[in-house]
Amino acid sequence: MKLEDCSKEELIHFIKRNSFCGPSDLEFEVMMFRSEMASMKSGAEGIRACDALGEYTGLLAPFEGRGWEDVPDEIISKASEALKNYEIHTKRAEKYRKQYDAIHKRIDELLYVRETR
């Protein structure tokens, strides 16, 4: 059986019966997991943003030094869509980065409590 096959209640029961850590340790471990997830999501969105920006510049590179009137409407449309995707993924990456920062603020607080015990 995999953990994924268990219900929420079953997982809670298992954790309570088999956990040797206190509530602050649980919070610390959960915060570390959330930190990792936020970091991975931010990185993935950053990669998508870079890909979109690369598509944008790749589409317009052949027309460098020319006026916009020389760029076909289809290319302008695709470049505009790529730029929108860049902005979307950049905003998502920033959202996850802010989550990461907030999580690490809490982790720092938990570590400070541990040190002062």
N, C-alpha and C. Protein backbone atom coordinates (compact mmCIF):
# COMPACT_ATOMS: atom_id res chain seq x y z
N MET A 1 0.84 -1.18 0.00
CA MET A 1 0.00 0.00 0.00
C MET A 1 0.89 1.25 0.00
N LYS A 2 0.48 2.25 -0.75
CA LYS A 2 1.19 3.52 -0.81
C LYS A 2 0.45 4.54 0.05
N LEU A 3 1.18 5.56 0.50
CA LEU A 3 0.54 6.63 1.26
C LEU A 3 -0.58 7.29 0.46
N GLU A 4 -0.39 7.37 -0.84
CA GLU A 4 -1.38 8.00 -1.70
C GLU A 4 -2.71 7.25 -1.70
N ASP A 5 -2.68 5.97 -1.31
CA ASP A 5 -3.90 5.16 -1.28
C ASP A 5 -4.71 5.36 0.00
N CYS A 6 -4.13 6.03 0.98
CA CYS A 6 -4.77 6.22 2.27
C CYS A 6 -5.67 7.46 2.27
N SER A 7 -6.69 7.39 3.10
CA SER A 7 -7.55 8.56 3.28
C SER A 7 -6.85 9.54 4.22
N LYS A 8 -7.36 10.75 4.28
CA LYS A 8 -6.80 11.75 5.17
C LYS A 8 -6.85 11.25 6.62
N GLU A 9 -7.98 10.69 7.01
CA GLU A 9 -8.14 10.19 8.37
C GLU A 9 -7.14 9.07 8.68
N GLU A 10 -6.92 8.18 7.71
CA GLU A 10 -5.96 7.09 7.91
C GLU A 10 -4.55 7.63 8.07
N LEU A 11 -4.20 8.63 7.28
CA LEU A 11 -2.87 9.23 7.40
C LEU A 11 -2.69 9.92 8.75
N ILE A 12 -3.71 10.63 9.20
CA ILE A 12 -3.64 11.29 10.50
C ILE A 12 -3.47 10.25 11.60
N HIS A 13 -4.24 9.18 11.53
CA HIS A 13 -4.13 8.10 12.51
C HIS A 13 -2.70 7.53 12.52
N PHE A 14 -2.17 7.26 11.36
CA PHE A 14 -0.82 6.70 11.25
C PHE A 14 0.21 7.64 11.86
N ILE A 15 0.10 8.91 11.55
CA ILE A 15 1.06 9.89 12.05
C ILE A 15 0.99 9.97 13.57
N LYS A 16 -0.23 10.02 14.10
CA LYS A 16 -0.37 10.11 15.56
C LYS A 16 0.21 8.88 16.25
N ARG A 17 0.02 7.72 15.69
CA ARG A 17 0.47 6.48 16.32
C ARG A 17 1.98 6.27 16.18
N ASN A 18 2.56 6.83 15.13
CA ASN A 18 3.96 6.54 14.83
C ASN A 18 4.89 7.75 14.94
N SER A 19 4.39 8.85 15.40
CA SER A 19 5.20 10.06 15.46
C SER A 19 5.83 10.21 16.84
N PHE A 20 7.11 10.50 16.84
CA PHE A 20 7.82 10.70 18.10
C PHE A 20 8.23 12.16 18.26
N CYS A 21 7.65 13.00 17.46
CA CYS A 21 8.00 14.41 17.53
C CYS A 21 6.83 15.20 18.10
N GLY A 22 7.14 16.38 18.58
CA GLY A 22 6.11 17.24 19.13
C GLY A 22 5.49 18.12 18.07
N PRO A 23 4.49 18.91 18.47
CA PRO A 23 3.78 19.79 17.51
C PRO A 23 4.71 20.77 16.80
N SER A 24 5.71 21.30 17.52
CA SER A 24 6.60 22.27 16.86
C SER A 24 7.47 21.57 15.81
N ASP A 25 7.84 20.31 16.08
CA ASP A 25 8.60 19.56 15.08
C ASP A 25 7.75 19.28 13.85
N LEU A 26 6.49 18.98 14.08
CA LEU A 26 5.57 18.74 12.96
C LEU A 26 5.45 20.00 12.11
N GLU A 27 5.25 21.14 12.76
CA GLU A 27 5.13 22.39 12.02
C GLU A 27 6.40 22.67 11.23
N PHE A 28 7.55 22.43 11.86
CA PHE A 28 8.82 22.66 11.18
C PHE A 28 8.92 21.80 9.92
N GLU A 29 8.59 20.51 10.05
CA GLU A 29 8.67 19.60 8.90
C GLU A 29 7.70 20.00 7.80
N VAL A 30 6.50 20.40 8.17
CA VAL A 30 5.50 20.84 7.18
C VAL A 30 5.99 22.11 6.49
N MET A 31 6.55 23.04 7.26
CA MET A 31 7.06 24.28 6.67
C MET A 31 8.21 23.99 5.71
N MET A 32 9.07 23.05 6.06
CA MET A 32 10.16 22.68 5.16
C MET A 32 9.62 22.09 3.86
N PHE A 33 8.60 21.25 3.97
CA PHE A 33 7.99 20.68 2.77
C PHE A 33 7.36 21.77 1.91
N ARG A 34 6.62 22.67 2.55
CA ARG A 34 5.99 23.78 1.82
C ARG A 34 7.04 24.66 1.15
N SER A 35 8.15 24.87 1.85
CA SER A 35 9.24 25.66 1.29
C SER A 35 9.77 25.02 0.01
N GLU A 36 9.99 23.72 0.08
CA GLU A 36 10.49 23.00 -1.09
C GLU A 36 9.50 23.08 -2.25
N MET A 37 8.22 22.91 -1.96
CA MET A 37 7.20 22.98 -3.01
C MET A 37 7.14 24.37 -3.64
N ALA A 38 7.17 25.41 -2.80
CA ALA A 38 7.13 26.78 -3.32
C ALA A 38 8.36 27.08 -4.17
N SER A 39 9.51 26.59 -3.72
CA SER A 39 10.74 26.80 -4.48
C SER A 39 10.68 26.10 -5.83
N MET A 40 10.20 24.87 -5.84
CA MET A 40 10.09 24.12 -7.10
C MET A 40 9.10 24.79 -8.06
N LYS A 41 7.97 25.24 -7.54
CA LYS A 41 6.96 25.89 -8.38
C LYS A 41 7.49 27.21 -8.93
N SER A 42 8.19 27.97 -8.10
CA SER A 42 8.75 29.24 -8.56
C SER A 42 9.78 28.99 -9.66
N GLY A 43 10.62 27.99 -9.46
CA GLY A 43 11.62 27.65 -10.47
C GLY A 43 11.00 27.22 -11.78
N ALA A 44 9.95 26.40 -11.69
CA ALA A 44 9.27 25.93 -12.90
C ALA A 44 8.64 27.10 -13.65
N GLU A 45 8.03 28.01 -12.91
CA GLU A 45 7.42 29.18 -13.56
C GLU A 45 8.51 30.08 -14.16
N GLY A 46 9.63 30.18 -13.49
CA GLY A 46 10.75 30.96 -14.03
C GLY A 46 11.25 30.39 -15.35
N ILE A 47 11.32 29.07 -15.42
CA ILE A 47 11.74 28.41 -16.66
C ILE A 47 10.72 28.69 -17.77
N ARG A 48 9.44 28.59 -17.43
CA ARG A 48 8.40 28.87 -18.43
C ARG A 48 8.47 30.32 -18.91
N ALA A 49 8.76 31.23 -17.98
CA ALA A 49 8.89 32.64 -18.35
C ALA A 49 10.07 32.84 -19.30
N CYS A 50 11.19 32.20 -19.00
CA CYS A 50 12.37 32.29 -19.87
C CYS A 50 12.09 31.71 -21.25
N ASP A 51 11.37 30.59 -21.28
CA ASP A 51 11.01 29.98 -22.56
C ASP A 51 10.14 30.92 -23.39
N ALA A 52 9.18 31.56 -22.73
CA ALA A 52 8.28 32.49 -23.43
C ALA A 52 9.06 33.70 -23.94
N LEU A 53 9.98 34.20 -23.14
CA LEU A 53 10.79 35.33 -23.58
C LEU A 53 11.69 34.94 -24.74
N GLY A 54 12.22 33.72 -24.68
CA GLY A 54 13.03 33.22 -25.79
C GLY A 54 12.22 33.11 -27.07
N GLU A 55 10.98 32.65 -26.93
CA GLU A 55 10.10 32.56 -28.10
C GLU A 55 9.85 33.96 -28.66
N TYR A 56 9.58 34.92 -27.79
CA TYR A 56 9.33 36.30 -28.20
C TYR A 56 10.52 36.87 -28.98
N THR A 57 11.71 36.75 -28.39
CA THR A 57 12.88 37.31 -29.06
C THR A 57 13.21 36.54 -30.33
N GLY A 58 12.98 35.22 -30.32
CA GLY A 58 13.24 34.42 -31.51
C GLY A 58 12.33 34.81 -32.68
N LEU A 59 11.09 35.11 -32.36
CA LEU A 59 10.15 35.51 -33.41
C LEU A 59 10.52 36.85 -34.03
N LEU A 60 11.01 37.77 -33.19
CA LEU A 60 11.28 39.12 -33.69
C LEU A 60 12.72 39.32 -34.17
N ALA A 61 13.62 38.40 -33.84
CA ALA A 61 15.03 38.55 -34.21
C ALA A 61 15.26 38.75 -35.71
N PRO A 62 14.55 38.00 -36.58
CA PRO A 62 14.80 38.19 -38.02
C PRO A 62 14.43 39.59 -38.53
N PHE A 63 13.67 40.33 -37.72
CA PHE A 63 13.20 41.64 -38.16
C PHE A 63 13.91 42.78 -37.43
N GLU A 64 15.00 42.46 -36.75
CA GLU A 64 15.74 43.46 -35.99
C GLU A 64 16.25 44.55 -36.93
N GLY A 65 16.07 45.78 -36.50
CA GLY A 65 16.51 46.93 -37.28
C GLY A 65 15.49 47.39 -38.30
N ARG A 66 14.40 46.66 -38.44
CA ARG A 66 13.35 47.06 -39.37
C ARG A 66 12.21 47.72 -38.60
N GLY A 67 11.33 48.37 -39.31
CA GLY A 67 10.15 48.98 -38.70
C GLY A 67 9.06 47.93 -38.48
N TRP A 68 8.13 48.25 -37.61
CA TRP A 68 7.02 47.32 -37.32
C TRP A 68 6.20 47.00 -38.55
N GLU A 69 6.17 47.91 -39.50
CA GLU A 69 5.39 47.67 -40.72
C GLU A 69 5.97 46.52 -41.55
N ASP A 70 7.25 46.20 -41.32
CA ASP A 70 7.90 45.11 -42.05
C ASP A 70 7.67 43.74 -41.39
N VAL A 71 7.11 43.75 -40.19
CA VAL A 71 6.87 42.50 -39.47
C VAL A 71 5.46 42.00 -39.80
N PRO A 72 5.34 40.77 -40.28
CA PRO A 72 4.01 40.24 -40.62
C PRO A 72 3.09 40.21 -39.39
N ASP A 73 1.82 40.44 -39.65
CA ASP A 73 0.83 40.46 -38.57
C ASP A 73 0.84 39.16 -37.77
N GLU A 74 1.04 38.04 -38.44
CA GLU A 74 1.06 36.75 -37.76
C GLU A 74 2.20 36.68 -36.75
N ILE A 75 3.35 37.23 -37.13
CA ILE A 75 4.51 37.23 -36.22
C ILE A 75 4.24 38.16 -35.04
N ILE A 76 3.66 39.31 -35.30
CA ILE A 76 3.34 40.25 -34.22
C ILE A 76 2.35 39.61 -33.25
N SER A 77 1.38 38.91 -33.77
CA SER A 77 0.38 38.23 -32.94
C SER A 77 1.03 37.15 -32.06
N LYS A 78 1.89 36.34 -32.67
CA LYS A 78 2.58 35.28 -31.91
C LYS A 78 3.52 35.88 -30.87
N ALA A 79 4.22 36.94 -31.24
CA ALA A 79 5.14 37.59 -30.31
C ALA A 79 4.37 38.21 -29.15
N SER A 80 3.23 38.79 -29.44
CA SER A 80 2.39 39.37 -28.40
C SER A 80 1.91 38.30 -27.42
N GLU A 81 1.52 37.16 -27.95
CA GLU A 81 1.07 36.04 -27.10
C GLU A 81 2.23 35.52 -26.25
N ALA A 82 3.41 35.43 -26.83
CA ALA A 82 4.59 34.98 -26.08
C ALA A 82 4.92 35.96 -24.95
N LEU A 83 4.79 37.25 -25.23
CA LEU A 83 5.06 38.26 -24.21
C LEU A 83 4.03 38.18 -23.08
N LYS A 84 2.77 37.93 -23.42
CA LYS A 84 1.73 37.74 -22.40
C LYS A 84 2.06 36.53 -21.53
N ASN A 85 2.50 35.45 -22.16
CA ASN A 85 2.88 34.25 -21.41
C ASN A 85 4.06 34.53 -20.48
N TYR A 86 5.01 35.30 -20.97
CA TYR A 86 6.15 35.69 -20.14
C TYR A 86 5.66 36.43 -18.89
N GLU A 87 4.77 37.38 -19.08
CA GLU A 87 4.26 38.16 -17.95
C GLU A 87 3.48 37.28 -16.97
N ILE A 88 2.68 36.38 -17.48
CA ILE A 88 1.90 35.47 -16.64
C ILE A 88 2.83 34.61 -15.79
N HIS A 89 3.81 34.00 -16.41
CA HIS A 89 4.71 33.10 -15.69
C HIS A 89 5.62 33.87 -14.73
N THR A 90 5.99 35.08 -15.08
CA THR A 90 6.79 35.91 -14.19
C THR A 90 6.00 36.25 -12.93
N LYS A 91 4.73 36.60 -13.09
CA LYS A 91 3.88 36.90 -11.93
C LYS A 91 3.69 35.67 -11.05
N ARG A 92 3.50 34.51 -11.66
CA ARG A 92 3.35 33.29 -10.88
C ARG A 92 4.62 32.96 -10.12
N ALA A 93 5.76 33.12 -10.77
CA ALA A 93 7.04 32.85 -10.11
C ALA A 93 7.21 33.78 -8.91
N GLU A 94 6.83 35.03 -9.07
CA GLU A 94 6.93 36.00 -7.98
C GLU A 94 5.99 35.63 -6.84
N LYS A 95 4.79 35.15 -7.17
CA LYS A 95 3.83 34.72 -6.14
C LYS A 95 4.42 33.59 -5.30
N TYR A 96 5.01 32.61 -5.97
CA TYR A 96 5.61 31.48 -5.25
C TYR A 96 6.85 31.91 -4.46
N ARG A 97 7.59 32.87 -4.99
CA ARG A 97 8.76 33.36 -4.27
C ARG A 97 8.32 34.06 -2.98
N LYS A 98 7.23 34.81 -3.05
CA LYS A 98 6.71 35.47 -1.85
C LYS A 98 6.22 34.45 -0.83
N GLN A 99 5.59 33.38 -1.31
CA GLN A 99 5.18 32.30 -0.41
C GLN A 99 6.41 31.70 0.27
N TYR A 100 7.44 31.45 -0.53
CA TYR A 100 8.68 30.89 -0.01
C TYR A 100 9.26 31.78 1.08
N ASP A 101 9.29 33.09 0.84
CA ASP A 101 9.83 34.03 1.82
C ASP A 101 9.02 34.00 3.12
N ALA A 102 7.70 33.96 2.99
CA ALA A 102 6.84 33.93 4.18
C ALA A 102 7.04 32.63 4.96
N ILE A 103 7.17 31.54 4.25
CA ILE A 103 7.41 30.24 4.89
C ILE A 103 8.73 30.27 5.64
N HIS A 104 9.76 30.84 5.02
CA HIS A 104 11.07 30.87 5.67
C HIS A 104 11.11 31.82 6.86
N LYS A 105 10.26 32.81 6.83
CA LYS A 105 10.16 33.67 8.01
C LYS A 105 9.65 32.84 9.18
N ARG A 106 8.64 32.00 8.93
CA ARG A 106 8.10 31.14 9.99
C ARG A 106 9.14 30.09 10.41
N ILE A 107 9.87 29.55 9.46
CA ILE A 107 10.91 28.58 9.80
C ILE A 107 11.96 29.22 10.71
N ASP A 108 12.34 30.45 10.40
CA ASP A 108 13.31 31.16 11.24
C ASP A 108 12.77 31.34 12.66
N GLU A 109 11.47 31.66 12.77
CA GLU A 109 10.85 31.80 14.09
C GLU A 109 10.89 30.48 14.85
N LEU A 110 10.58 29.39 14.16
CA LEU A 110 10.61 28.07 14.81
C LEU A 110 12.02 27.70 15.26
N LEU A 111 13.00 28.01 14.43
CA LEU A 111 14.38 27.72 14.80
C LEU A 111 14.83 28.56 15.99
N TYR A 112 14.38 29.80 16.05
CA TYR A 112 14.73 30.67 17.17
C TYR A 112 14.15 30.10 18.46
N VAL A 113 12.91 29.62 18.41
CA VAL A 113 12.28 29.01 19.59
C VAL A 113 13.08 27.79 20.04
N ARG A 114 13.52 26.98 19.08
CA ARG A 114 14.33 25.80 19.42
C ARG A 114 15.63 26.19 20.12
N GLU A 115 16.26 27.23 19.62
CA GLU A 115 17.54 27.66 20.18
C GLU A 115 17.39 28.22 21.59
N THR A 116 16.25 28.83 21.89
CA THR A 116 16.06 29.46 23.19
C THR A 116 15.48 28.50 24.23
N ARG A 117 15.26 27.26 23.86
CA ARG A 117 14.74 26.28 24.83
C ARG A 117 15.80 25.89 25.81
